[in-house]
């Protein structure tokens, strides 16, 4: 999933962080661009794994595996799990 940055600030650097001064943002962007494509991809995978761990840690232990997966999906993606509705209706 790829999202587009907001074009209002720092669009020339690829970042849309609004609480970072432009010179610091440019420094971060330059440092990121010095990395290889593979390094940037691996950083993305690491961030995704960390996000998944954080969501799973907040799910709790109650409920069936299907229910926990449905709660994970909803928290991680922000929408109800499409297959959860079919499980709930049975």
PDB file of N, CA and C in Angstrom:
ATOM      1  N   UNK A   1       0.849  -1.157   0.000  1.00  0.00           N
ATOM      2  CA  UNK A   1       0.000   0.000   0.000  1.00  0.00           C
ATOM      3  C   UNK A   1       0.905   1.233   0.000  1.00  0.00           C
ATOM      4  N   UNK A   2       0.662   2.123  -0.912  1.00  0.00           N
ATOM      5  CA  UNK A   2       1.454   3.339  -1.020  1.00  0.00           C
ATOM      6  C   UNK A   2       0.527   4.529  -0.833  1.00  0.00           C
ATOM      7  N   UNK A   3       0.939   5.452   0.005  1.00  0.00           N
ATOM      8  CA  UNK A   3       0.131   6.648   0.193  1.00  0.00           C
ATOM      9  C   UNK A   3       0.874   7.844  -0.382  1.00  0.00           C
ATOM     10  N   UNK A   4       0.126   8.806  -0.808  1.00  0.00           N
ATOM     11  CA  UNK A   4       0.716  10.025  -1.350  1.00  0.00           C
ATOM     12  C   UNK A   4       0.923  11.010  -0.213  1.00  0.00           C
ATOM     13  N   UNK A   5       2.011  11.767  -0.305  1.00  0.00           N
ATOM     14  CA  UNK A   5       2.272  12.762   0.722  1.00  0.00           C
ATOM     15  C   UNK A   5       1.406  13.982   0.475  1.00  0.00           C
ATOM     16  N   UNK A   6       1.198  14.732   1.522  1.00  0.00           N
ATOM     17  CA  UNK A   6       0.481  15.993   1.370  1.00  0.00           C
ATOM     18  C   UNK A   6       1.375  16.958   0.607  1.00  0.00           C
ATOM     19  N   UNK A   7       0.870  17.610  -0.415  1.00  0.00           N
ATOM     20  CA  UNK A   7       1.719  18.467  -1.234  1.00  0.00           C
ATOM     21  C   UNK A   7       2.008  19.835  -0.641  1.00  0.00           C
ATOM     22  N   UNK A   8       1.465  20.139   0.545  1.00  0.00           N
ATOM     23  CA  UNK A   8       1.590  21.497   1.057  1.00  0.00           C
ATOM     24  C   UNK A   8       2.971  21.834   1.600  1.00  0.00           C
ATOM     25  N   UNK A   9       3.656  20.883   2.250  1.00  0.00           N
ATOM     26  CA  UNK A   9       4.958  21.187   2.840  1.00  0.00           C
ATOM     27  C   UNK A   9       5.944  20.085   2.537  1.00  0.00           C
ATOM     28  N   UNK A  10       7.156  20.473   2.254  1.00  0.00           N
ATOM     29  CA  UNK A  10       8.278  19.551   2.077  1.00  0.00           C
ATOM     30  C   UNK A  10       8.049  18.549   0.965  1.00  0.00           C
ATOM     31  N   UNK A  11       7.183  18.851   0.029  1.00  0.00           N
ATOM     32  CA  UNK A  11       6.882  17.901  -1.035  1.00  0.00           C
ATOM     33  C   UNK A  11       8.110  17.589  -1.878  1.00  0.00           C
ATOM     34  N   UNK A  12       9.043  18.516  -1.949  1.00  0.00           N
ATOM     35  CA  UNK A  12      10.239  18.284  -2.750  1.00  0.00           C
ATOM     36  C   UNK A  12      11.165  17.253  -2.109  1.00  0.00           C
ATOM     37  N   UNK A  13      10.974  16.942  -0.829  1.00  0.00           N
ATOM     38  CA  UNK A  13      11.829  15.964  -0.160  1.00  0.00           C
ATOM     39  C   UNK A  13      11.140  14.624   0.029  1.00  0.00           C
ATOM     40  N   UNK A  14       9.843  14.547  -0.192  1.00  0.00           N
ATOM     41  CA  UNK A  14       9.129  13.295  -0.007  1.00  0.00           C
ATOM     42  C   UNK A  14       8.565  13.111   1.385  1.00  0.00           C
ATOM     43  N   UNK A  15       8.754  14.090   2.257  1.00  0.00           N
ATOM     44  CA  UNK A  15       8.235  14.002   3.613  1.00  0.00           C
ATOM     45  C   UNK A  15       7.186  15.072   3.846  1.00  0.00           C
ATOM     46  N   UNK A  16       6.207  14.765   4.696  1.00  0.00           N
ATOM     47  CA  UNK A  16       5.163  15.738   5.006  1.00  0.00           C
ATOM     48  C   UNK A  16       5.037  15.922   6.517  1.00  0.00           C
ATOM     49  N   UNK A  17       6.140  15.815   7.223  1.00  0.00           N
ATOM     50  CA  UNK A  17       6.118  16.005   8.667  1.00  0.00           C
ATOM     51  C   UNK A  17       6.042  17.495   8.936  1.00  0.00           C
ATOM     52  N   UNK A  18       5.014  17.895   9.675  1.00  0.00           N
ATOM     53  CA  UNK A  18       4.777  19.325   9.840  1.00  0.00           C
ATOM     54  C   UNK A  18       5.451  19.923  11.057  1.00  0.00           C
ATOM     55  N   UNK A  19       5.985  19.092  11.955  1.00  0.00           N
ATOM     56  CA  UNK A  19       6.613  19.651  13.150  1.00  0.00           C
ATOM     57  C   UNK A  19       8.139  19.624  13.074  1.00  0.00           C
ATOM     58  N   UNK A  20       8.677  19.379  11.889  1.00  0.00           N
ATOM     59  CA  UNK A  20      10.123  19.321  11.694  1.00  0.00           C
ATOM     60  C   UNK A  20      10.561  20.493  10.820  1.00  0.00           C
ATOM     61  N   UNK A  21      11.589  21.219  11.233  1.00  0.00           N
ATOM     62  CA  UNK A  21      12.075  22.324  10.401  1.00  0.00           C
ATOM     63  C   UNK A  21      12.551  21.817   9.039  1.00  0.00           C
ATOM     64  N   UNK A  22      12.390  22.601   7.996  1.00  0.00           N
ATOM     65  CA  UNK A  22      12.762  22.166   6.650  1.00  0.00           C
ATOM     66  C   UNK A  22      14.214  21.696   6.538  1.00  0.00           C
ATOM     67  N   UNK A  23      15.139  22.352   7.229  1.00  0.00           N
ATOM     68  CA  UNK A  23      16.547  21.954   7.104  1.00  0.00           C
ATOM     69  C   UNK A  23      16.796  20.582   7.740  1.00  0.00           C
ATOM     70  N   UNK A  24      16.108  20.276   8.831  1.00  0.00           N
ATOM     71  CA  UNK A  24      16.249  18.956   9.461  1.00  0.00           C
ATOM     72  C   UNK A  24      15.590  17.906   8.579  1.00  0.00           C
ATOM     73  N   UNK A  25      14.432  18.236   8.031  1.00  0.00           N
ATOM     74  CA  UNK A  25      13.737  17.322   7.148  1.00  0.00           C
ATOM     75  C   UNK A  25      14.601  17.004   5.925  1.00  0.00           C
ATOM     76  N   UNK A  26      15.245  18.007   5.359  1.00  0.00           N
ATOM     77  CA  UNK A  26      16.134  17.798   4.209  1.00  0.00           C
ATOM     78  C   UNK A  26      17.310  16.913   4.582  1.00  0.00           C
ATOM     79  N   UNK A  27      17.843  17.077   5.798  1.00  0.00           N
ATOM     80  CA  UNK A  27      18.958  16.259   6.261  1.00  0.00           C
ATOM     81  C   UNK A  27      18.526  14.788   6.380  1.00  0.00           C
ATOM     82  N   UNK A  28      17.342  14.553   6.937  1.00  0.00           N
ATOM     83  CA  UNK A  28      16.825  13.185   7.070  1.00  0.00           C
ATOM     84  C   UNK A  28      16.610  12.573   5.694  1.00  0.00           C
ATOM     85  N   UNK A  29      16.009  13.350   4.793  1.00  0.00           N
ATOM     86  CA  UNK A  29      15.764  12.851   3.446  1.00  0.00           C
ATOM     87  C   UNK A  29      17.076  12.486   2.751  1.00  0.00           C
ATOM     88  N   UNK A  30      18.085  13.334   2.860  1.00  0.00           N
ATOM     89  CA  UNK A  30      19.384  13.070   2.242  1.00  0.00           C
ATOM     90  C   UNK A  30      20.008  11.797   2.810  1.00  0.00           C
ATOM     91  N   UNK A  31      19.924  11.638   4.125  1.00  0.00           N
ATOM     92  CA  UNK A  31      20.469  10.427   4.753  1.00  0.00           C
ATOM     93  C   UNK A  31      19.737   9.181   4.265  1.00  0.00           C
ATOM     94  N   UNK A  32      18.425   9.268   4.125  1.00  0.00           N
ATOM     95  CA  UNK A  32      17.657   8.109   3.642  1.00  0.00           C
ATOM     96  C   UNK A  32      18.012   7.772   2.198  1.00  0.00           C
ATOM     97  N   UNK A  33      18.233   8.791   1.391  1.00  0.00           N
ATOM     98  CA  UNK A  33      18.534   8.545  -0.014  1.00  0.00           C
ATOM     99  C   UNK A  33      19.951   7.987  -0.218  1.00  0.00           C
ATOM    100  N   UNK A  34      20.811   8.130   0.794  1.00  0.00           N
ATOM    101  CA  UNK A  34      22.143   7.525   0.707  1.00  0.00           C
ATOM    102  C   UNK A  34      22.071   6.012   0.885  1.00  0.00           C
ATOM    103  N   UNK A  35      21.001   5.537   1.476  1.00  0.00           N
ATOM    104  CA  UNK A  35      20.823   4.100   1.668  1.00  0.00           C
ATOM    105  C   UNK A  35      20.444   3.456   0.342  1.00  0.00           C
ATOM    106  N   UNK A  36      20.754   2.179   0.219  1.00  0.00           N
ATOM    107  CA  UNK A  36      20.368   1.462  -0.999  1.00  0.00           C
ATOM    108  C   UNK A  36      18.871   1.186  -0.963  1.00  0.00           C
ATOM    109  N   UNK A  37      18.317   0.831  -2.097  1.00  0.00           N
ATOM    110  CA  UNK A  37      16.903   0.481  -2.157  1.00  0.00           C
ATOM    111  C   UNK A  37      16.612  -0.699  -1.234  1.00  0.00           C
ATOM    112  N   UNK A  38      17.525  -1.653  -1.192  1.00  0.00           N
ATOM    113  CA  UNK A  38      17.347  -2.824  -0.340  1.00  0.00           C
ATOM    114  C   UNK A  38      17.330  -2.440   1.144  1.00  0.00           C
ATOM    115  N   UNK A  39      18.213  -1.505   1.535  1.00  0.00           N
ATOM    116  CA  UNK A  39      18.244  -1.051   2.930  1.00  0.00           C
ATOM    117  C   UNK A  39      16.942  -0.355   3.300  1.00  0.00           C
ATOM    118  N   UNK A  40      16.432   0.479   2.390  1.00  0.00           N
ATOM    119  CA  UNK A  40      15.172   1.168   2.661  1.00  0.00           C
ATOM    120  C   UNK A  40      14.010   0.185   2.740  1.00  0.00           C
ATOM    121  N   UNK A  41      14.020  -0.825   1.880  1.00  0.00           N
ATOM    122  CA  UNK A  41      12.975  -1.837   1.911  1.00  0.00           C
ATOM    123  C   UNK A  41      13.021  -2.613   3.222  1.00  0.00           C
ATOM    124  N   UNK A  42      14.217  -3.003   3.657  1.00  0.00           N
ATOM    125  CA  UNK A  42      14.355  -3.728   4.919  1.00  0.00           C
ATOM    126  C   UNK A  42      13.923  -2.868   6.107  1.00  0.00           C
ATOM    127  N   UNK A  43      14.204  -1.571   6.058  1.00  0.00           N
ATOM    128  CA  UNK A  43      13.730  -0.673   7.115  1.00  0.00           C
ATOM    129  C   UNK A  43      12.201  -0.665   7.159  1.00  0.00           C
ATOM    130  N   UNK A  44      11.578  -0.651   5.993  1.00  0.00           N
ATOM    131  CA  UNK A  44      10.123  -0.696   5.927  1.00  0.00           C
ATOM    132  C   UNK A  44       9.574  -1.987   6.509  1.00  0.00           C
ATOM    133  N   UNK A  45      10.223  -3.116   6.186  1.00  0.00           N
ATOM    134  CA  UNK A  45       9.798  -4.401   6.749  1.00  0.00           C
ATOM    135  C   UNK A  45       9.931  -4.396   8.265  1.00  0.00           C
ATOM    136  N   UNK A  46      11.033  -3.842   8.768  1.00  0.00           N
ATOM    137  CA  UNK A  46      11.225  -3.773  10.223  1.00  0.00           C
ATOM    138  C   UNK A  46      10.145  -2.922  10.886  1.00  0.00           C
ATOM    139  N   UNK A  47       9.804  -1.798  10.267  1.00  0.00           N
ATOM    140  CA  UNK A  47       8.766  -0.932  10.831  1.00  0.00           C
ATOM    141  C   UNK A  47       7.410  -1.635  10.820  1.00  0.00           C
ATOM    142  N   UNK A  48       7.129  -2.382   9.741  1.00  0.00           N
ATOM    143  CA  UNK A  48       5.868  -3.114   9.673  1.00  0.00           C
ATOM    144  C   UNK A  48       5.810  -4.197  10.746  1.00  0.00           C
ATOM    145  N   UNK A  49       6.914  -4.912  10.948  1.00  0.00           N
ATOM    146  CA  UNK A  49       6.962  -5.956  11.978  1.00  0.00           C
ATOM    147  C   UNK A  49       6.757  -5.354  13.368  1.00  0.00           C
ATOM    148  N   UNK A  50       7.366  -4.212  13.613  1.00  0.00           N
ATOM    149  CA  UNK A  50       7.202  -3.540  14.904  1.00  0.00           C
ATOM    150  C   UNK A  50       5.750  -3.109  15.100  1.00  0.00           C
ATOM    151  N   UNK A  51       5.140  -2.557  14.071  1.00  0.00           N
ATOM    152  CA  UNK A  51       3.737  -2.130  14.165  1.00  0.00           C
ATOM    153  C   UNK A  51       2.837  -3.325  14.446  1.00  0.00           C
ATOM    154  N   UNK A  52       3.097  -4.450  13.766  1.00  0.00           N
ATOM    155  CA  UNK A  52       2.289  -5.655  13.996  1.00  0.00           C
ATOM    156  C   UNK A  52       2.432  -6.124  15.444  1.00  0.00           C
ATOM    157  N   UNK A  53       3.646  -6.141  15.962  1.00  0.00           N
ATOM    158  CA  UNK A  53       3.871  -6.561  17.351  1.00  0.00           C
ATOM    159  C   UNK A  53       3.131  -5.648  18.320  1.00  0.00           C
ATOM    160  N   UNK A  54       3.149  -4.363  18.063  1.00  0.00           N
ATOM    161  CA  UNK A  54       2.462  -3.421  18.941  1.00  0.00           C
ATOM    162  C   UNK A  54       0.957  -3.665  18.931  1.00  0.00           C
ATOM    163  N   UNK A  55       0.390  -3.919  17.760  1.00  0.00           N
ATOM    164  CA  UNK A  55      -1.051  -4.168  17.676  1.00  0.00           C
ATOM    165  C   UNK A  55      -1.392  -5.479  18.369  1.00  0.00           C
ATOM    166  N   UNK A  56      -0.620  -6.534  18.104  1.00  0.00           N
ATOM    167  CA  UNK A  56      -0.895  -7.826  18.748  1.00  0.00           C
ATOM    168  C   UNK A  56      -0.808  -7.712  20.268  1.00  0.00           C
ATOM    169  N   UNK A  57       0.110  -6.912  20.777  1.00  0.00           N
ATOM    170  CA  UNK A  57       0.261  -6.787  22.227  1.00  0.00           C
ATOM    171  C   UNK A  57      -0.962  -6.142  22.867  1.00  0.00           C
ATOM    172  N   UNK A  58      -1.731  -5.388  22.112  1.00  0.00           N
ATOM    173  CA  UNK A  58      -2.911  -4.736  22.649  1.00  0.00           C
ATOM    174  C   UNK A  58      -4.205  -5.503  22.421  1.00  0.00           C
ATOM    175  N   UNK A  59      -4.135  -6.629  21.750  1.00  0.00           N
ATOM    176  CA  UNK A  59      -5.336  -7.397  21.417  1.00  0.00           C
ATOM    177  C   UNK A  59      -5.900  -8.126  22.631  1.00  0.00           C
ATOM    178  N   UNK A  60      -5.058  -8.654  23.485  1.00  0.00           N
ATOM    179  CA  UNK A  60      -5.533  -9.428  24.630  1.00  0.00           C
ATOM    180  C   UNK A  60      -5.608 -10.911  24.300  1.00  0.00           C
ATOM    181  N   UNK A  61      -5.928 -11.698  25.299  1.00  0.00           N
ATOM    182  CA  UNK A  61      -5.927 -13.147  25.127  1.00  0.00           C
ATOM    183  C   UNK A  61      -7.331 -13.749  25.073  1.00  0.00           C
ATOM    184  N   UNK A  62      -8.354 -12.946  25.363  1.00  0.00           N
ATOM    185  CA  UNK A  62      -9.701 -13.505  25.379  1.00  0.00           C
ATOM    186  C   UNK A  62     -10.239 -13.638  23.963  1.00  0.00           C
ATOM    187  N   UNK A  63     -11.072 -14.671  23.767  1.00  0.00           N
ATOM    188  CA  UNK A  63     -11.690 -14.887  22.463  1.00  0.00           C
ATOM    189  C   UNK A  63     -10.991 -15.979  21.679  1.00  0.00           C
ATOM    190  N   UNK A  64     -11.655 -16.382  20.621  1.00  0.00           N
ATOM    191  CA  UNK A  64     -11.085 -17.416  19.748  1.00  0.00           C
ATOM    192  C   UNK A  64      -9.992 -16.804  18.870  1.00  0.00           C
ATOM    193  N   UNK A  65      -9.253 -17.666  18.208  1.00  0.00           N
ATOM    194  CA  UNK A  65      -8.216 -17.193  17.288  1.00  0.00           C
ATOM    195  C   UNK A  65      -8.833 -16.333  16.194  1.00  0.00           C
ATOM    196  N   UNK A  66      -9.979 -16.755  15.680  1.00  0.00           N
ATOM    197  CA  UNK A  66     -10.662 -15.982  14.634  1.00  0.00           C
ATOM    198  C   UNK A  66     -11.055 -14.593  15.134  1.00  0.00           C
ATOM    199  N   UNK A  67     -11.568 -14.520  16.347  1.00  0.00           N
ATOM    200  CA  UNK A  67     -11.968 -13.226  16.911  1.00  0.00           C
ATOM    201  C   UNK A  67     -10.751 -12.322  17.107  1.00  0.00           C
ATOM    202  N   UNK A  68      -9.663 -12.894  17.606  1.00  0.00           N
ATOM    203  CA  UNK A  68      -8.444 -12.091  17.812  1.00  0.00           C
ATOM    204  C   UNK A  68      -7.895 -11.604  16.483  1.00  0.00           C
ATOM    205  N   UNK A  69      -7.925 -12.456  15.462  1.00  0.00           N
ATOM    206  CA  UNK A  69      -7.461 -12.031  14.139  1.00  0.00           C
ATOM    207  C   UNK A  69      -8.336 -10.918  13.580  1.00  0.00           C
ATOM    208  N   UNK A  70      -9.634 -11.021  13.816  1.00  0.00           N
ATOM    209  CA  UNK A  70     -10.547  -9.966  13.367  1.00  0.00           C
ATOM    210  C   UNK A  70     -10.263  -8.640  14.063  1.00  0.00           C
ATOM    211  N   UNK A  71     -10.007  -8.684  15.390  1.00  0.00           N
ATOM    212  CA  UNK A  71      -9.669  -7.460  16.123  1.00  0.00           C
ATOM    213  C   UNK A  71      -8.342  -6.890  15.638  1.00  0.00           C
ATOM    214  N   UNK A  72      -7.375  -7.786  15.371  1.00  0.00           N
ATOM    215  CA  UNK A  72      -6.081  -7.330  14.846  1.00  0.00           C
ATOM    216  C   UNK A  72      -6.293  -6.600  13.515  1.00  0.00           C
ATOM    217  N   UNK A  73      -7.043  -7.230  12.612  1.00  0.00           N
ATOM    218  CA  UNK A  73      -7.268  -6.641  11.294  1.00  0.00           C
ATOM    219  C   UNK A  73      -7.896  -5.259  11.423  1.00  0.00           C
ATOM    220  N   UNK A  74      -8.917  -5.150  12.287  1.00  0.00           N
ATOM    221  CA  UNK A  74      -9.609  -3.880  12.450  1.00  0.00           C
ATOM    222  C   UNK A  74      -8.665  -2.809  12.987  1.00  0.00           C
ATOM    223  N   UNK A  75      -7.863  -3.148  13.984  1.00  0.00           N
ATOM    224  CA  UNK A  75      -6.942  -2.157  14.551  1.00  0.00           C
ATOM    225  C   UNK A  75      -5.818  -1.801  13.588  1.00  0.00           C
ATOM    226  N   UNK A  76      -5.313  -2.791  12.875  1.00  0.00           N
ATOM    227  CA  UNK A  76      -4.169  -2.557  11.991  1.00  0.00           C
ATOM    228  C   UNK A  76      -4.573  -1.796  10.736  1.00  0.00           C
ATOM    229  N   UNK A  77      -5.725  -2.125  10.160  1.00  0.00           N
ATOM    230  CA  UNK A  77      -6.141  -1.522   8.896  1.00  0.00           C
ATOM    231  C   UNK A  77      -7.197  -0.437   9.039  1.00  0.00           C
ATOM    232  N   UNK A  78      -7.835  -0.354  10.215  1.00  0.00           N
ATOM    233  CA  UNK A  78      -8.814   0.700  10.447  1.00  0.00           C
ATOM    234  C   UNK A  78     -10.191   0.428   9.872  1.00  0.00           C
ATOM    235  N   UNK A  79     -10.408  -0.767   9.360  1.00  0.00           N
ATOM    236  CA  UNK A  79     -11.721  -1.172   8.852  1.00  0.00           C
ATOM    237  C   UNK A  79     -12.035  -2.558   9.393  1.00  0.00           C
ATOM    238  N   UNK A  80     -13.312  -2.907   9.397  1.00  0.00           N
ATOM    239  CA  UNK A  80     -13.676  -4.240   9.837  1.00  0.00           C
ATOM    240  C   UNK A  80     -13.134  -5.288   8.883  1.00  0.00           C
ATOM    241  N   UNK A  81     -12.782  -6.405   9.434  1.00  0.00           N
ATOM    242  CA  UNK A  81     -12.248  -7.508   8.645  1.00  0.00           C
ATOM    243  C   UNK A  81     -13.342  -8.045   7.728  1.00  0.00           C
ATOM    244  N   UNK A  82     -13.092  -8.167   6.409  1.00  0.00           N
ATOM    245  CA  UNK A  82     -14.152  -8.602   5.494  1.00  0.00           C
ATOM    246  C   UNK A  82     -14.654 -10.018   5.778  1.00  0.00           C
ATOM    247  N   UNK A  83     -13.782 -10.915   6.199  1.00  0.00           N
ATOM    248  CA  UNK A  83     -14.244 -12.276   6.488  1.00  0.00           C
ATOM    249  C   UNK A  83     -14.830 -12.410   7.869  1.00  0.00           C
ATOM    250  N   UNK A  84     -14.616 -11.428   8.746  1.00  0.00           N
ATOM    251  CA  UNK A  84     -15.151 -11.498  10.095  1.00  0.00           C
ATOM    252  C   UNK A  84     -16.677 -11.465  10.083  1.00  0.00           C
ATOM    253  N   UNK A  85     -17.272 -10.737   9.171  1.00  0.00           N
ATOM    254  CA  UNK A  85     -18.722 -10.645   9.103  1.00  0.00           C
ATOM    255  C   UNK A  85     -19.334 -12.018   8.802  1.00  0.00           C
ATOM    256  N   UNK A  86     -18.670 -12.799   7.948  1.00  0.00           N
ATOM    257  CA  UNK A  86     -19.195 -14.124   7.627  1.00  0.00           C
ATOM    258  C   UNK A  86     -19.030 -15.064   8.812  1.00  0.00           C
ATOM    259  N   UNK A  87     -17.971 -14.911   9.605  1.00  0.00           N
ATOM    260  CA  UNK A  87     -17.766 -15.732  10.784  1.00  0.00           C
ATOM    261  C   UNK A  87     -18.805 -15.380  11.836  1.00  0.00           C
ATOM    262  N   UNK A  88     -19.071 -14.076  12.036  1.00  0.00           N
ATOM    263  CA  UNK A  88     -20.035 -13.624  13.042  1.00  0.00           C
ATOM    264  C   UNK A  88     -21.462 -14.058  12.708  1.00  0.00           C
ATOM    265  N   UNK A  89     -21.800 -14.138  11.426  1.00  0.00           N
ATOM    266  CA  UNK A  89     -23.174 -14.443  11.037  1.00  0.00           C
ATOM    267  C   UNK A  89     -23.476 -15.933  11.079  1.00  0.00           C
ATOM    268  N   UNK A  90     -22.482 -16.775  11.258  1.00  0.00           N
ATOM    269  CA  UNK A  90     -22.721 -18.224  11.273  1.00  0.00           C
ATOM    270  C   UNK A  90     -23.139 -18.712  12.633  1.00  0.00           C
TER     271      UNK A  90
END
